[in-house]
N, C-alpha and C. Protein backbone atom coordinates (compact mmCIF):
# COMPACT_ATOMS: atom_id res chain seq x y z
N MET A 1 11.08 20.92 4.42
CA MET A 1 11.86 21.52 3.36
C MET A 1 11.55 23.01 3.31
N LYS A 2 12.48 23.74 2.74
CA LYS A 2 12.34 25.19 2.68
C LYS A 2 12.64 25.66 1.26
N ALA A 3 11.75 26.49 0.70
CA ALA A 3 12.01 27.11 -0.59
C ALA A 3 13.02 28.23 -0.40
N LEU A 4 13.95 28.35 -1.34
CA LEU A 4 14.99 29.37 -1.27
C LEU A 4 14.83 30.32 -2.45
N ASN A 5 14.44 31.55 -2.16
CA ASN A 5 14.24 32.58 -3.17
C ASN A 5 14.88 33.88 -2.70
N PRO A 6 16.21 34.00 -2.82
CA PRO A 6 16.89 35.21 -2.35
C PRO A 6 16.32 36.48 -3.00
N GLY A 7 16.19 37.51 -2.20
CA GLY A 7 15.67 38.78 -2.70
C GLY A 7 16.58 39.44 -3.72
N THR A 8 17.81 38.99 -3.82
CA THR A 8 18.76 39.56 -4.78
C THR A 8 18.59 38.97 -6.19
N LEU A 9 17.73 37.96 -6.34
CA LEU A 9 17.49 37.33 -7.64
C LEU A 9 16.15 37.76 -8.21
N ARG A 10 16.06 37.75 -9.53
CA ARG A 10 14.77 37.96 -10.18
C ARG A 10 13.83 36.85 -9.73
N PRO A 11 12.56 37.16 -9.48
CA PRO A 11 11.62 36.10 -9.09
C PRO A 11 11.56 35.02 -10.17
N PRO A 12 11.25 33.77 -9.80
CA PRO A 12 11.13 32.69 -10.78
C PRO A 12 10.11 33.04 -11.87
N PHE A 13 10.33 32.49 -13.06
CA PHE A 13 9.45 32.73 -14.20
C PHE A 13 8.06 32.11 -14.04
N ALA A 14 7.96 31.06 -13.24
CA ALA A 14 6.68 30.34 -13.10
C ALA A 14 6.57 29.82 -11.67
N ALA A 15 5.76 28.79 -11.47
CA ALA A 15 5.50 28.25 -10.14
C ALA A 15 6.61 27.29 -9.71
N TYR A 16 7.73 27.85 -9.27
CA TYR A 16 8.83 27.07 -8.73
C TYR A 16 9.67 27.98 -7.85
N ALA A 17 10.57 27.39 -7.08
CA ALA A 17 11.51 28.14 -6.24
C ALA A 17 12.89 28.06 -6.87
N HIS A 18 13.74 29.05 -6.58
CA HIS A 18 15.11 29.01 -7.09
C HIS A 18 15.90 27.85 -6.48
N GLY A 19 15.58 27.47 -5.27
CA GLY A 19 16.27 26.37 -4.61
C GLY A 19 15.38 25.73 -3.57
N THR A 20 15.78 24.56 -3.10
CA THR A 20 15.05 23.86 -2.04
C THR A 20 16.07 23.33 -1.04
N GLU A 21 15.85 23.66 0.22
CA GLU A 21 16.69 23.12 1.29
C GLU A 21 16.02 21.86 1.82
N ILE A 22 16.77 20.76 1.83
CA ILE A 22 16.27 19.49 2.35
C ILE A 22 16.99 19.22 3.66
N PRO A 23 16.28 19.26 4.79
CA PRO A 23 16.93 19.04 6.08
C PRO A 23 17.46 17.61 6.23
N ALA A 24 18.47 17.48 7.06
CA ALA A 24 19.03 16.16 7.37
C ALA A 24 17.95 15.29 7.98
N GLY A 25 18.04 14.00 7.74
CA GLY A 25 17.13 13.05 8.36
C GLY A 25 15.92 12.69 7.53
N LEU A 26 15.70 13.36 6.40
CA LEU A 26 14.56 12.99 5.56
C LEU A 26 14.95 11.87 4.61
N ARG A 27 13.98 11.02 4.29
CA ARG A 27 14.18 9.98 3.27
C ARG A 27 14.11 10.66 1.90
N LEU A 28 14.94 10.25 0.97
CA LEU A 28 14.94 10.80 -0.38
C LEU A 28 14.43 9.77 -1.38
N VAL A 29 13.65 10.22 -2.34
CA VAL A 29 13.23 9.40 -3.47
C VAL A 29 13.63 10.15 -4.73
N ARG A 30 14.28 9.44 -5.62
CA ARG A 30 14.68 10.00 -6.92
C ARG A 30 14.05 9.12 -7.98
N THR A 31 13.17 9.69 -8.80
CA THR A 31 12.53 8.89 -9.84
C THR A 31 13.40 8.88 -11.09
N SER A 32 13.23 7.87 -11.87
CA SER A 32 13.76 7.86 -13.23
C SER A 32 12.90 8.81 -14.05
N GLY A 33 13.40 9.19 -15.20
CA GLY A 33 12.60 10.01 -16.10
C GLY A 33 11.38 9.21 -16.54
N GLN A 34 10.22 9.85 -16.43
CA GLN A 34 8.97 9.20 -16.82
C GLN A 34 8.50 9.77 -18.14
N LEU A 35 8.11 8.89 -19.04
CA LEU A 35 7.62 9.28 -20.36
C LEU A 35 6.10 9.16 -20.39
N GLY A 36 5.49 9.85 -21.33
CA GLY A 36 4.03 9.84 -21.46
C GLY A 36 3.55 8.64 -22.23
N ILE A 37 3.67 7.48 -21.62
CA ILE A 37 3.23 6.24 -22.25
C ILE A 37 2.37 5.46 -21.25
N ARG A 38 1.26 4.95 -21.76
CA ARG A 38 0.35 4.18 -20.90
C ARG A 38 0.84 2.75 -20.75
N LYS A 39 0.29 2.04 -19.77
CA LYS A 39 0.66 0.64 -19.52
C LYS A 39 0.45 -0.23 -20.75
N ASP A 40 -0.55 0.14 -21.60
CA ASP A 40 -0.82 -0.65 -22.81
C ASP A 40 0.05 -0.20 -24.00
N ASP A 41 1.06 0.61 -23.73
CA ASP A 41 2.03 1.10 -24.73
C ASP A 41 1.48 2.16 -25.67
N THR A 42 0.29 2.70 -25.41
CA THR A 42 -0.20 3.79 -26.24
C THR A 42 0.38 5.11 -25.73
N ILE A 43 0.55 6.03 -26.65
CA ILE A 43 1.15 7.32 -26.34
C ILE A 43 0.20 8.41 -26.82
N PRO A 44 -0.23 9.30 -25.90
CA PRO A 44 -1.11 10.39 -26.33
C PRO A 44 -0.41 11.32 -27.31
N GLU A 45 -1.19 12.04 -28.07
CA GLU A 45 -0.66 12.93 -29.10
C GLU A 45 -0.05 14.21 -28.53
N THR A 46 -0.72 14.82 -27.54
CA THR A 46 -0.28 16.16 -27.11
C THR A 46 0.73 16.11 -25.97
N ALA A 47 1.53 17.16 -25.91
CA ALA A 47 2.51 17.28 -24.83
C ALA A 47 1.80 17.35 -23.48
N PHE A 48 0.66 18.04 -23.41
CA PHE A 48 -0.08 18.12 -22.15
C PHE A 48 -0.49 16.73 -21.68
N GLU A 49 -1.10 15.94 -22.56
CA GLU A 49 -1.54 14.59 -22.17
C GLU A 49 -0.36 13.70 -21.78
N GLN A 50 0.74 13.84 -22.49
CA GLN A 50 1.93 13.07 -22.13
C GLN A 50 2.45 13.50 -20.77
N ALA A 51 2.47 14.80 -20.51
CA ALA A 51 2.95 15.30 -19.21
C ALA A 51 2.03 14.84 -18.08
N VAL A 52 0.73 14.82 -18.32
CA VAL A 52 -0.21 14.32 -17.30
C VAL A 52 0.15 12.88 -16.95
N LEU A 53 0.43 12.05 -17.96
CA LEU A 53 0.82 10.66 -17.70
C LEU A 53 2.14 10.59 -16.94
N CYS A 54 3.09 11.43 -17.31
CA CYS A 54 4.36 11.46 -16.58
C CYS A 54 4.10 11.70 -15.10
N PHE A 55 3.26 12.68 -14.80
CA PHE A 55 3.00 13.01 -13.40
C PHE A 55 2.13 11.95 -12.72
N GLU A 56 1.27 11.27 -13.45
CA GLU A 56 0.52 10.15 -12.86
C GLU A 56 1.50 9.04 -12.46
N ASN A 57 2.47 8.77 -13.32
CA ASN A 57 3.49 7.76 -13.00
C ASN A 57 4.30 8.18 -11.77
N ILE A 58 4.68 9.43 -11.73
CA ILE A 58 5.45 9.95 -10.59
C ILE A 58 4.62 9.85 -9.32
N ARG A 59 3.35 10.18 -9.40
CA ARG A 59 2.47 10.07 -8.22
C ARG A 59 2.46 8.63 -7.70
N ALA A 60 2.39 7.65 -8.62
CA ALA A 60 2.38 6.23 -8.22
C ALA A 60 3.71 5.82 -7.59
N ILE A 61 4.82 6.29 -8.16
CA ILE A 61 6.13 5.97 -7.59
C ILE A 61 6.26 6.56 -6.19
N LEU A 62 5.87 7.81 -6.04
CA LEU A 62 5.94 8.46 -4.73
C LEU A 62 5.05 7.75 -3.72
N ALA A 63 3.86 7.32 -4.16
CA ALA A 63 2.94 6.62 -3.25
C ALA A 63 3.56 5.34 -2.72
N GLU A 64 4.37 4.67 -3.55
CA GLU A 64 5.07 3.45 -3.10
C GLU A 64 5.97 3.74 -1.89
N ALA A 65 6.44 4.98 -1.80
CA ALA A 65 7.31 5.39 -0.68
C ALA A 65 6.54 6.16 0.39
N GLY A 66 5.21 6.18 0.28
CA GLY A 66 4.41 6.92 1.26
C GLY A 66 4.53 8.43 1.10
N MET A 67 4.79 8.88 -0.10
CA MET A 67 4.95 10.31 -0.39
C MET A 67 3.94 10.75 -1.43
N GLY A 68 3.88 12.06 -1.64
CA GLY A 68 2.99 12.64 -2.64
C GLY A 68 3.57 13.92 -3.20
N PRO A 69 2.80 14.63 -4.01
CA PRO A 69 3.28 15.86 -4.64
C PRO A 69 3.84 16.90 -3.67
N ALA A 70 3.29 16.99 -2.46
CA ALA A 70 3.77 17.97 -1.48
C ALA A 70 5.19 17.68 -1.02
N ASP A 71 5.67 16.45 -1.25
CA ASP A 71 7.01 16.06 -0.84
C ASP A 71 8.06 16.29 -1.93
N VAL A 72 7.65 16.76 -3.09
CA VAL A 72 8.58 16.97 -4.20
C VAL A 72 9.49 18.15 -3.87
N ALA A 73 10.80 17.91 -3.97
CA ALA A 73 11.80 18.94 -3.72
C ALA A 73 12.27 19.59 -5.01
N HIS A 74 12.36 18.79 -6.08
CA HIS A 74 12.85 19.30 -7.36
C HIS A 74 12.20 18.55 -8.51
N VAL A 75 11.89 19.28 -9.58
CA VAL A 75 11.35 18.71 -10.81
C VAL A 75 12.32 19.02 -11.95
N SER A 76 12.71 18.00 -12.69
CA SER A 76 13.46 18.19 -13.93
C SER A 76 12.59 17.71 -15.07
N ALA A 77 12.44 18.54 -16.08
CA ALA A 77 11.59 18.17 -17.22
C ALA A 77 12.29 18.50 -18.52
N TYR A 78 11.93 17.73 -19.52
CA TYR A 78 12.52 17.85 -20.84
C TYR A 78 11.39 17.83 -21.87
N VAL A 79 11.39 18.78 -22.77
CA VAL A 79 10.41 18.81 -23.86
C VAL A 79 11.17 18.92 -25.17
N THR A 80 10.55 18.49 -26.26
CA THR A 80 11.24 18.46 -27.54
C THR A 80 11.07 19.74 -28.36
N ALA A 81 10.26 20.69 -27.88
CA ALA A 81 10.09 21.96 -28.60
C ALA A 81 9.47 22.99 -27.66
N ARG A 82 9.74 24.25 -27.94
CA ARG A 82 9.19 25.34 -27.11
C ARG A 82 7.67 25.29 -27.03
N GLU A 83 7.03 24.91 -28.11
CA GLU A 83 5.56 24.89 -28.10
C GLU A 83 4.99 23.85 -27.13
N HIS A 84 5.82 22.94 -26.63
CA HIS A 84 5.36 21.95 -25.66
C HIS A 84 5.48 22.44 -24.22
N MET A 85 6.15 23.57 -24.02
CA MET A 85 6.37 24.07 -22.66
C MET A 85 5.06 24.37 -21.93
N ALA A 86 4.12 25.03 -22.59
CA ALA A 86 2.87 25.43 -21.94
C ALA A 86 2.07 24.21 -21.47
N GLY A 87 1.97 23.19 -22.32
CA GLY A 87 1.24 21.98 -21.93
C GLY A 87 1.90 21.29 -20.76
N TYR A 88 3.23 21.19 -20.81
CA TYR A 88 3.96 20.59 -19.69
C TYR A 88 3.70 21.38 -18.41
N MET A 89 3.83 22.71 -18.48
CA MET A 89 3.69 23.54 -17.28
C MET A 89 2.28 23.45 -16.70
N ARG A 90 1.27 23.35 -17.56
CA ARG A 90 -0.11 23.20 -17.09
C ARG A 90 -0.27 21.88 -16.33
N ALA A 91 0.32 20.81 -16.84
CA ALA A 91 0.25 19.51 -16.17
C ALA A 91 1.03 19.54 -14.86
N ARG A 92 2.21 20.17 -14.86
CA ARG A 92 3.01 20.28 -13.64
C ARG A 92 2.25 21.05 -12.57
N ASP A 93 1.66 22.17 -12.94
CA ASP A 93 0.94 22.98 -11.96
C ASP A 93 -0.26 22.22 -11.40
N ALA A 94 -0.94 21.44 -12.23
CA ALA A 94 -2.07 20.63 -11.74
C ALA A 94 -1.57 19.55 -10.78
N PHE A 95 -0.45 18.93 -11.08
CA PHE A 95 0.13 17.91 -10.21
C PHE A 95 0.51 18.49 -8.86
N LEU A 96 1.17 19.64 -8.87
CA LEU A 96 1.63 20.25 -7.62
C LEU A 96 0.49 20.85 -6.81
N GLY A 97 -0.58 21.28 -7.48
CA GLY A 97 -1.67 21.95 -6.77
C GLY A 97 -1.23 23.33 -6.33
N ALA A 98 -1.67 23.73 -5.15
CA ALA A 98 -1.29 25.03 -4.58
C ALA A 98 -0.54 24.79 -3.28
N PRO A 99 0.70 24.32 -3.39
CA PRO A 99 1.44 23.94 -2.17
C PRO A 99 1.90 25.15 -1.37
N GLU A 100 2.15 24.91 -0.10
CA GLU A 100 2.72 25.96 0.75
C GLU A 100 4.14 26.29 0.31
N ARG A 101 4.85 25.29 -0.21
CA ARG A 101 6.23 25.46 -0.65
C ARG A 101 6.37 24.90 -2.06
N LEU A 102 6.86 25.74 -2.96
CA LEU A 102 7.09 25.28 -4.32
C LEU A 102 8.45 24.61 -4.42
N PRO A 103 8.57 23.55 -5.24
CA PRO A 103 9.87 22.91 -5.43
C PRO A 103 10.74 23.73 -6.38
N SER A 104 12.03 23.43 -6.39
CA SER A 104 12.89 23.97 -7.44
C SER A 104 12.59 23.21 -8.73
N SER A 105 13.03 23.76 -9.86
CA SER A 105 12.63 23.18 -11.13
C SER A 105 13.62 23.51 -12.23
N THR A 106 13.78 22.57 -13.15
CA THR A 106 14.58 22.78 -14.36
C THR A 106 13.76 22.29 -15.55
N LEU A 107 13.73 23.08 -16.61
CA LEU A 107 13.02 22.70 -17.84
C LEU A 107 13.98 22.91 -19.01
N LEU A 108 14.23 21.83 -19.75
CA LEU A 108 15.15 21.88 -20.89
C LEU A 108 14.43 21.50 -22.17
N ILE A 109 14.87 22.10 -23.27
CA ILE A 109 14.40 21.71 -24.59
C ILE A 109 15.48 20.81 -25.18
N VAL A 110 15.07 19.60 -25.57
CA VAL A 110 16.02 18.60 -26.08
C VAL A 110 15.65 18.22 -27.51
N THR A 111 16.56 17.56 -28.19
CA THR A 111 16.30 17.20 -29.59
C THR A 111 15.41 15.98 -29.74
N GLY A 112 15.26 15.18 -28.70
CA GLY A 112 14.38 14.03 -28.82
C GLY A 112 14.64 12.99 -27.76
N PHE A 113 13.81 11.94 -27.80
CA PHE A 113 13.89 10.83 -26.87
C PHE A 113 14.06 9.53 -27.67
N THR A 114 13.89 8.40 -27.01
CA THR A 114 14.13 7.11 -27.65
C THR A 114 13.16 6.80 -28.79
N ARG A 115 11.96 7.39 -28.74
CA ARG A 115 10.99 7.23 -29.82
C ARG A 115 10.51 8.61 -30.23
N PRO A 116 10.33 8.85 -31.52
CA PRO A 116 10.01 10.19 -31.99
C PRO A 116 8.67 10.74 -31.49
N GLU A 117 7.75 9.88 -31.09
CA GLU A 117 6.44 10.36 -30.64
C GLU A 117 6.46 10.95 -29.23
N PHE A 118 7.52 10.68 -28.46
CA PHE A 118 7.63 11.25 -27.12
C PHE A 118 7.95 12.73 -27.21
N LYS A 119 7.22 13.53 -26.44
CA LYS A 119 7.42 14.98 -26.42
C LYS A 119 7.89 15.50 -25.07
N VAL A 120 7.68 14.72 -23.99
CA VAL A 120 7.94 15.17 -22.63
C VAL A 120 8.54 14.03 -21.81
N GLU A 121 9.47 14.37 -20.94
CA GLU A 121 9.98 13.44 -19.93
C GLU A 121 10.15 14.22 -18.64
N VAL A 122 9.78 13.61 -17.51
CA VAL A 122 9.83 14.30 -16.21
C VAL A 122 10.42 13.37 -15.17
N GLU A 123 11.27 13.93 -14.31
CA GLU A 123 11.81 13.20 -13.16
C GLU A 123 11.77 14.14 -11.96
N VAL A 124 11.69 13.55 -10.77
CA VAL A 124 11.65 14.37 -9.55
C VAL A 124 12.55 13.81 -8.46
N TRP A 125 12.90 14.70 -7.55
CA TRP A 125 13.46 14.36 -6.24
C TRP A 125 12.37 14.68 -5.23
N ALA A 126 12.16 13.81 -4.27
CA ALA A 126 11.20 14.05 -3.20
C ALA A 126 11.85 13.68 -1.86
N ALA A 127 11.36 14.29 -0.78
CA ALA A 127 11.90 14.02 0.54
C ALA A 127 10.79 14.08 1.56
N ALA A 128 10.85 13.17 2.53
CA ALA A 128 9.83 13.11 3.59
C ALA A 128 10.43 12.39 4.80
N PRO A 129 9.84 12.60 5.98
CA PRO A 129 10.32 11.87 7.17
C PRO A 129 10.19 10.36 7.02
């Protein structure tokens, strides 16, 4: 995959690329939106802790396909308030590590999810041979 950051655009605001080129022939994985809820149905209080769980779930889904964070092509995330953005971004950056190629990314502020205690939801596209 190739990060696309045209010199005619303002650099990205954070650790992401403006676009990602996915070459023909790669397998694609698209996750459902993952919420910050544990297997025992408990939900952490902070957006950071919820985002960490979202990315742990995504890591497990990708592992089922023989993929990992380096194979992520795009991240879409949703938070319920601006104050949750920093916690989400810290969890995202920890999940991605320091990759050679950053994925493209979208972050939206939404009015809520299915339960009021949810603060973050994350989904990804990944590609690998």
